[in-house]
C-alpha atoms as a PDB file:
ATOM      1  CA  UNK A   1      60.180-234.278  90.254  1.00  0.00           C
ATOM      2  CA  UNK A   2      61.738-231.078  91.847  1.00  0.00           C
ATOM      3  CA  UNK A   3      61.565-229.242  88.490  1.00  0.00           C
ATOM      4  CA  UNK A   4      57.891-230.024  87.925  1.00  0.00           C
ATOM      5  CA  UNK A   5      56.983-228.837  91.562  1.00  0.00           C
ATOM      6  CA  UNK A   6      59.033-225.595  91.055  1.00  0.00           C
ATOM      7  CA  UNK A   7      57.408-225.155  87.587  1.00  0.00           C
ATOM      8  CA  UNK A   8      53.848-225.663  89.141  1.00  0.00           C
ATOM      9  CA  UNK A   9      54.533-223.151  91.853  1.00  0.00           C
ATOM     10  CA  UNK A  10      55.890-220.621  89.343  1.00  0.00           C
ATOM     11  CA  UNK A  11      52.890-221.142  87.025  1.00  0.00           C
ATOM     12  CA  UNK A  12      50.502-220.716  89.990  1.00  0.00           C
ATOM     13  CA  UNK A  13      52.223-217.461  90.992  1.00  0.00           C
ATOM     14  CA  UNK A  14      52.051-216.113  87.397  1.00  0.00           C
ATOM     15  CA  UNK A  15      48.393-216.865  87.187  1.00  0.00           C
ATOM     16  CA  UNK A  16      47.697-214.925  90.399  1.00  0.00           C
ATOM     17  CA  UNK A  17      50.005-212.010  89.690  1.00  0.00           C
ATOM     18  CA  UNK A  18      48.842-211.196  86.141  1.00  0.00           C
ATOM     19  CA  UNK A  19      45.178-210.480  87.254  1.00  0.00           C
ATOM     20  CA  UNK A  20      46.467-208.455  90.212  1.00  0.00           C
ATOM     21  CA  UNK A  21      48.619-206.255  87.907  1.00  0.00           C
ATOM     22  CA  UNK A  22      45.772-205.920  85.429  1.00  0.00           C
ATOM     23  CA  UNK A  23      43.352-205.016  88.338  1.00  0.00           C
ATOM     24  CA  UNK A  24      45.798-202.306  89.563  1.00  0.00           C
ATOM     25  CA  UNK A  25      46.327-200.871  86.075  1.00  0.00           C
ATOM     26  CA  UNK A  26      42.516-200.714  85.518  1.00  0.00           C
ATOM     27  CA  UNK A  27      41.982-199.052  88.886  1.00  0.00           C
ATOM     28  CA  UNK A  28      44.752-196.476  88.239  1.00  0.00           C
ATOM     29  CA  UNK A  29      43.274-195.855  84.780  1.00  0.00           C
ATOM     30  CA  UNK A  30      39.939-194.954  86.412  1.00  0.00           C
ATOM     31  CA  UNK A  31      41.721-192.117  88.310  1.00  0.00           C
ATOM     32  CA  UNK A  32      43.232-190.644  85.129  1.00  0.00           C
ATOM     33  CA  UNK A  33      42.043-187.202  84.004  1.00  0.00           C
ATOM     34  CA  UNK A  34      41.411-183.693  85.304  1.00  0.00           C
ATOM     35  CA  UNK A  35      39.953-183.142  88.750  1.00  0.00           C
ATOM     36  CA  UNK A  36      38.789-180.107  90.702  1.00  0.00           C
ATOM     37  CA  UNK A  37      37.139-179.462  94.007  1.00  0.00           C
ATOM     38  CA  UNK A  38      37.614-178.086  97.486  1.00  0.00           C
ATOM     39  CA  UNK A  39      38.177-179.101 101.039  1.00  0.00           C
ATOM     40  CA  UNK A  40      39.995-178.199 104.178  1.00  0.00           C
ATOM     41  CA  UNK A  41      43.635-178.320 105.338  1.00  0.00           C
ATOM     42  CA  UNK A  42      45.132-177.969 108.840  1.00  0.00           C
ATOM     43  CA  UNK A  43      48.811-176.961 108.736  1.00  0.00           C
ATOM     44  CA  UNK A  44      49.406-177.752 112.437  1.00  0.00           C
ATOM     45  CA  UNK A  45      47.361-179.882 114.795  1.00  0.00           C
ATOM     46  CA  UNK A  46      45.474-177.572 117.114  1.00  0.00           C
ATOM     47  CA  UNK A  47      45.201-174.716 114.607  1.00  0.00           C
ATOM     48  CA  UNK A  48      41.952-173.932 112.678  1.00  0.00           C
ATOM     49  CA  UNK A  49      41.588-175.664 109.315  1.00  0.00           C
ATOM     50  CA  UNK A  50      41.300-173.422 106.315  1.00  0.00           C
ATOM     51  CA  UNK A  51      39.346-173.962 103.139  1.00  0.00           C
ATOM     52  CA  UNK A  52      41.195-174.763  99.861  1.00  0.00           C
ATOM     53  CA  UNK A  53      40.244-175.027  96.251  1.00  0.00           C
ATOM     54  CA  UNK A  54      42.238-177.544  94.187  1.00  0.00           C
ATOM     55  CA  UNK A  55      42.830-178.645  90.591  1.00  0.00           C
ATOM     56  CA  UNK A  56      44.727-181.824  89.685  1.00  0.00           C
ATOM     57  CA  UNK A  57      45.631-183.618  86.451  1.00  0.00           C
ATOM     58  CA  UNK A  58      46.571-187.239  86.596  1.00  0.00           C
ATOM     59  CA  UNK A  59      48.249-189.443  84.002  1.00  0.00           C
ATOM     60  CA  UNK A  60      48.521-193.153  84.022  1.00  0.00           C
ATOM     61  CA  UNK A  61      51.121-195.323  82.234  1.00  0.00           C
ATOM     62  CA  UNK A  62      50.529-198.978  82.974  1.00  0.00           C
ATOM     63  CA  UNK A  63      50.815-199.411  86.742  1.00  0.00           C
ATOM     64  CA  UNK A  64      52.197-195.902  87.390  1.00  0.00           C
ATOM     65  CA  UNK A  65      50.136-192.796  88.266  1.00  0.00           C
ATOM     66  CA  UNK A  66      51.389-189.204  88.260  1.00  0.00           C
ATOM     67  CA  UNK A  67      49.091-186.654  89.822  1.00  0.00           C
ATOM     68  CA  UNK A  68      50.004-183.006  89.932  1.00  0.00           C
ATOM     69  CA  UNK A  69      48.101-179.887  90.633  1.00  0.00           C
ATOM     70  CA  UNK A  70      47.680-176.876  92.778  1.00  0.00           C
ATOM     71  CA  UNK A  71      45.650-175.845  95.860  1.00  0.00           C
ATOM     72  CA  UNK A  72      44.662-172.321  96.670  1.00  0.00           C
ATOM     73  CA  UNK A  73      43.679-171.156 100.148  1.00  0.00           C
ATOM     74  CA  UNK A  74      43.407-168.041 102.233  1.00  0.00           C
ATOM     75  CA  UNK A  75      42.518-166.034  99.076  1.00  0.00           C
ATOM     76  CA  UNK A  76      46.014-165.644  97.667  1.00  0.00           C
ATOM     77  CA  UNK A  77      48.178-168.588  98.870  1.00  0.00           C
ATOM     78  CA  UNK A  78      48.858-171.146  96.113  1.00  0.00           C
ATOM     79  CA  UNK A  79      50.854-174.344  96.505  1.00  0.00           C
ATOM     80  CA  UNK A  80      51.854-177.083  94.051  1.00  0.00           C
ATOM     81  CA  UNK A  81      51.107-180.604  95.158  1.00  0.00           C
ATOM     82  CA  UNK A  82      52.036-183.852  93.417  1.00  0.00           C
ATOM     83  CA  UNK A  83      52.241-187.606  93.785  1.00  0.00           C
ATOM     84  CA  UNK A  84      54.053-190.158  91.733  1.00  0.00           C
ATOM     85  CA  UNK A  85      53.028-193.688  92.616  1.00  0.00           C
ATOM     86  CA  UNK A  86      53.525-197.164  91.245  1.00  0.00           C
ATOM     87  CA  UNK A  87      51.869-200.477  91.896  1.00  0.00           C
ATOM     88  CA  UNK A  88      53.914-203.588  92.395  1.00  0.00           C
ATOM     89  CA  UNK A  89      51.442-206.433  92.632  1.00  0.00           C
ATOM     90  CA  UNK A  90      49.074-205.303  95.334  1.00  0.00           C
ATOM     91  CA  UNK A  91      51.580-202.974  97.024  1.00  0.00           C
ATOM     92  CA  UNK A  92      52.012-199.279  96.164  1.00  0.00           C
ATOM     93  CA  UNK A  93      54.871-196.945  96.677  1.00  0.00           C
ATOM     94  CA  UNK A  94      55.944-193.491  95.556  1.00  0.00           C
ATOM     95  CA  UNK A  95      56.746-189.945  96.366  1.00  0.00           C
ATOM     96  CA  UNK A  96      54.481-187.172  97.529  1.00  0.00           C
ATOM     97  CA  UNK A  97      55.425-183.484  97.351  1.00  0.00           C
ATOM     98  CA  UNK A  98      53.209-181.325  99.463  1.00  0.00           C
ATOM     99  CA  UNK A  99      52.974-177.618 100.096  1.00  0.00           C
ATOM    100  CA  UNK A 100      56.427-177.485 101.713  1.00  0.00           C
ATOM    101  CA  UNK A 101      57.966-178.588  98.363  1.00  0.00           C
ATOM    102  CA  UNK A 102      59.806-181.389 100.145  1.00  0.00           C
ATOM    103  CA  UNK A 103      59.445-184.993  98.856  1.00  0.00           C
ATOM    104  CA  UNK A 104      57.960-187.540 101.219  1.00  0.00           C
ATOM    105  CA  UNK A 105      57.806-191.313 100.746  1.00  0.00           C
ATOM    106  CA  UNK A 106      54.593-193.246 100.264  1.00  0.00           C
ATOM    107  CA  UNK A 107      54.016-197.007 100.820  1.00  0.00           C
ATOM    108  CA  UNK A 108      50.779-198.954 101.117  1.00  0.00           C
ATOM    109  CA  UNK A 109      48.198-201.025  99.379  1.00  0.00           C
ATOM    110  CA  UNK A 110      44.745-200.850  97.850  1.00  0.00           C
ATOM    111  CA  UNK A 111      41.603-201.975  99.586  1.00  0.00           C
ATOM    112  CA  UNK A 112      38.483-201.704  97.370  1.00  0.00           C
ATOM    113  CA  UNK A 113      38.402-198.272  95.899  1.00  0.00           C
ATOM    114  CA  UNK A 114      41.007-196.699  98.283  1.00  0.00           C
ATOM    115  CA  UNK A 115      44.824-196.727  98.146  1.00  0.00           C
ATOM    116  CA  UNK A 116      45.933-196.432 101.725  1.00  0.00           C
ATOM    117  CA  UNK A 117      49.414-195.083 102.301  1.00  0.00           C
ATOM    118  CA  UNK A 118      51.752-194.536 105.176  1.00  0.00           C
ATOM    119  CA  UNK A 119      53.538-191.229 104.521  1.00  0.00           C
ATOM    120  CA  UNK A 120      57.075-190.788 105.706  1.00  0.00           C
ATOM    121  CA  UNK A 121      57.652-187.018 105.837  1.00  0.00           C
ATOM    122  CA  UNK A 122      61.005-185.558 105.008  1.00  0.00           C
ATOM    123  CA  UNK A 123      61.015-183.684 108.354  1.00  0.00           C
ATOM    124  CA  UNK A 124      59.040-183.697 111.606  1.00  0.00           C
ATOM    125  CA  UNK A 125      55.433-182.708 111.148  1.00  0.00           C
ATOM    126  CA  UNK A 126      53.032-182.537 114.148  1.00  0.00           C
ATOM    127  CA  UNK A 127      55.772-184.082 116.371  1.00  0.00           C
ATOM    128  CA  UNK A 128      56.760-187.039 114.192  1.00  0.00           C
ATOM    129  CA  UNK A 129      57.561-188.154 110.584  1.00  0.00           C
ATOM    130  CA  UNK A 130      54.584-190.375 109.802  1.00  0.00           C
ATOM    131  CA  UNK A 131      50.927-189.947 108.802  1.00  0.00           C
ATOM    132  CA  UNK A 132      48.222-191.846 106.870  1.00  0.00           C
ATOM    133  CA  UNK A 133      47.082-190.733 103.397  1.00  0.00           C
ATOM    134  CA  UNK A 134      44.206-192.147 101.372  1.00  0.00           C
ATOM    135  CA  UNK A 135      43.309-191.689  97.687  1.00  0.00           C
ATOM    136  CA  UNK A 136      39.670-192.868  97.504  1.00  0.00           C
ATOM    137  CA  UNK A 137      37.732-193.233  94.247  1.00  0.00           C
ATOM    138  CA  UNK A 138      34.069-192.375  94.821  1.00  0.00           C
ATOM    139  CA  UNK A 139      31.834-193.619  92.038  1.00  0.00           C
ATOM    140  CA  UNK A 140      32.868-192.724  88.486  1.00  0.00           C
ATOM    141  CA  UNK A 141      33.319-189.008  88.927  1.00  0.00           C
ATOM    142  CA  UNK A 142      34.550-188.484  92.447  1.00  0.00           C
ATOM    143  CA  UNK A 143      37.942-188.649  94.281  1.00  0.00           C
ATOM    144  CA  UNK A 144      38.777-187.939  97.925  1.00  0.00           C
ATOM    145  CA  UNK A 145      42.299-187.132  99.111  1.00  0.00           C
ATOM    146  CA  UNK A 146      42.684-187.365 102.903  1.00  0.00           C
ATOM    147  CA  UNK A 147      45.519-187.195 105.365  1.00  0.00           C
ATOM    148  CA  UNK A 148      45.236-188.317 108.984  1.00  0.00           C
ATOM    149  CA  UNK A 149      47.928-187.584 111.656  1.00  0.00           C
ATOM    150  CA  UNK A 150      48.394-188.469 115.278  1.00  0.00           C
ATOM    151  CA  UNK A 151      48.031-185.647 117.747  1.00  0.00           C
ATOM    152  CA  UNK A 152      51.266-185.888 119.895  1.00  0.00           C
ATOM    153  CA  UNK A 153      49.507-184.381 122.967  1.00  0.00           C
ATOM    154  CA  UNK A 154      46.405-186.613 123.129  1.00  0.00           C
ATOM    155  CA  UNK A 155      47.368-189.597 120.844  1.00  0.00           C
ATOM    156  CA  UNK A 156      44.030-189.032 118.905  1.00  0.00           C
ATOM    157  CA  UNK A 157      43.940-189.388 115.156  1.00  0.00           C
ATOM    158  CA  UNK A 158      43.201-185.993 113.496  1.00  0.00           C
ATOM    159  CA  UNK A 159      42.183-185.339 109.897  1.00  0.00           C
ATOM    160  CA  UNK A 160      44.664-182.777 108.646  1.00  0.00           C
ATOM    161  CA  UNK A 161      43.434-182.577 105.080  1.00  0.00           C
ATOM    162  CA  UNK A 162      40.248-183.668 103.358  1.00  0.00           C
ATOM    163  CA  UNK A 163      39.832-182.682  99.727  1.00  0.00           C
ATOM    164  CA  UNK A 164      36.894-183.825  97.569  1.00  0.00           C
ATOM    165  CA  UNK A 165      37.303-183.642  93.812  1.00  0.00           C
ATOM    166  CA  UNK A 166      35.086-184.312  90.751  1.00  0.00           C
ATOM    167  CA  UNK A 167      35.743-184.578  87.043  1.00  0.00           C
END
């Protein structure tokens, strides 16, 4: 009797997990390709945001996404940016390398067309080591990359980067 109950639970879990993995692989596949666009970035809360122009290429292998590219701002400043993420069921984790060149950890989950991450920076940024990052699929040809951080002086949430890309 114990064996059949354990087997039934195992079979039930397998039936639920396989569609979830397939859903995540399909969603990630929809992000694959070349992207370009522009937006704004604030390097320090309280400073003026500056405009950036960005280009990214993303490659998907199963439930893994590698996105790498470059953003240019202030006429001559160019910075490489990349993310390497992986789905595990409905959870996502990975590494983000921003303009500083230092790797930061990503962890989160997908809701609808958005993967919502908590970022754990490799050093203090804006008074702490955490922020929120979202990769949002907009229609078939749009993608939005957004980072939100907490203002240490006021406690308010501040958009520190908002980049809109198209194919």
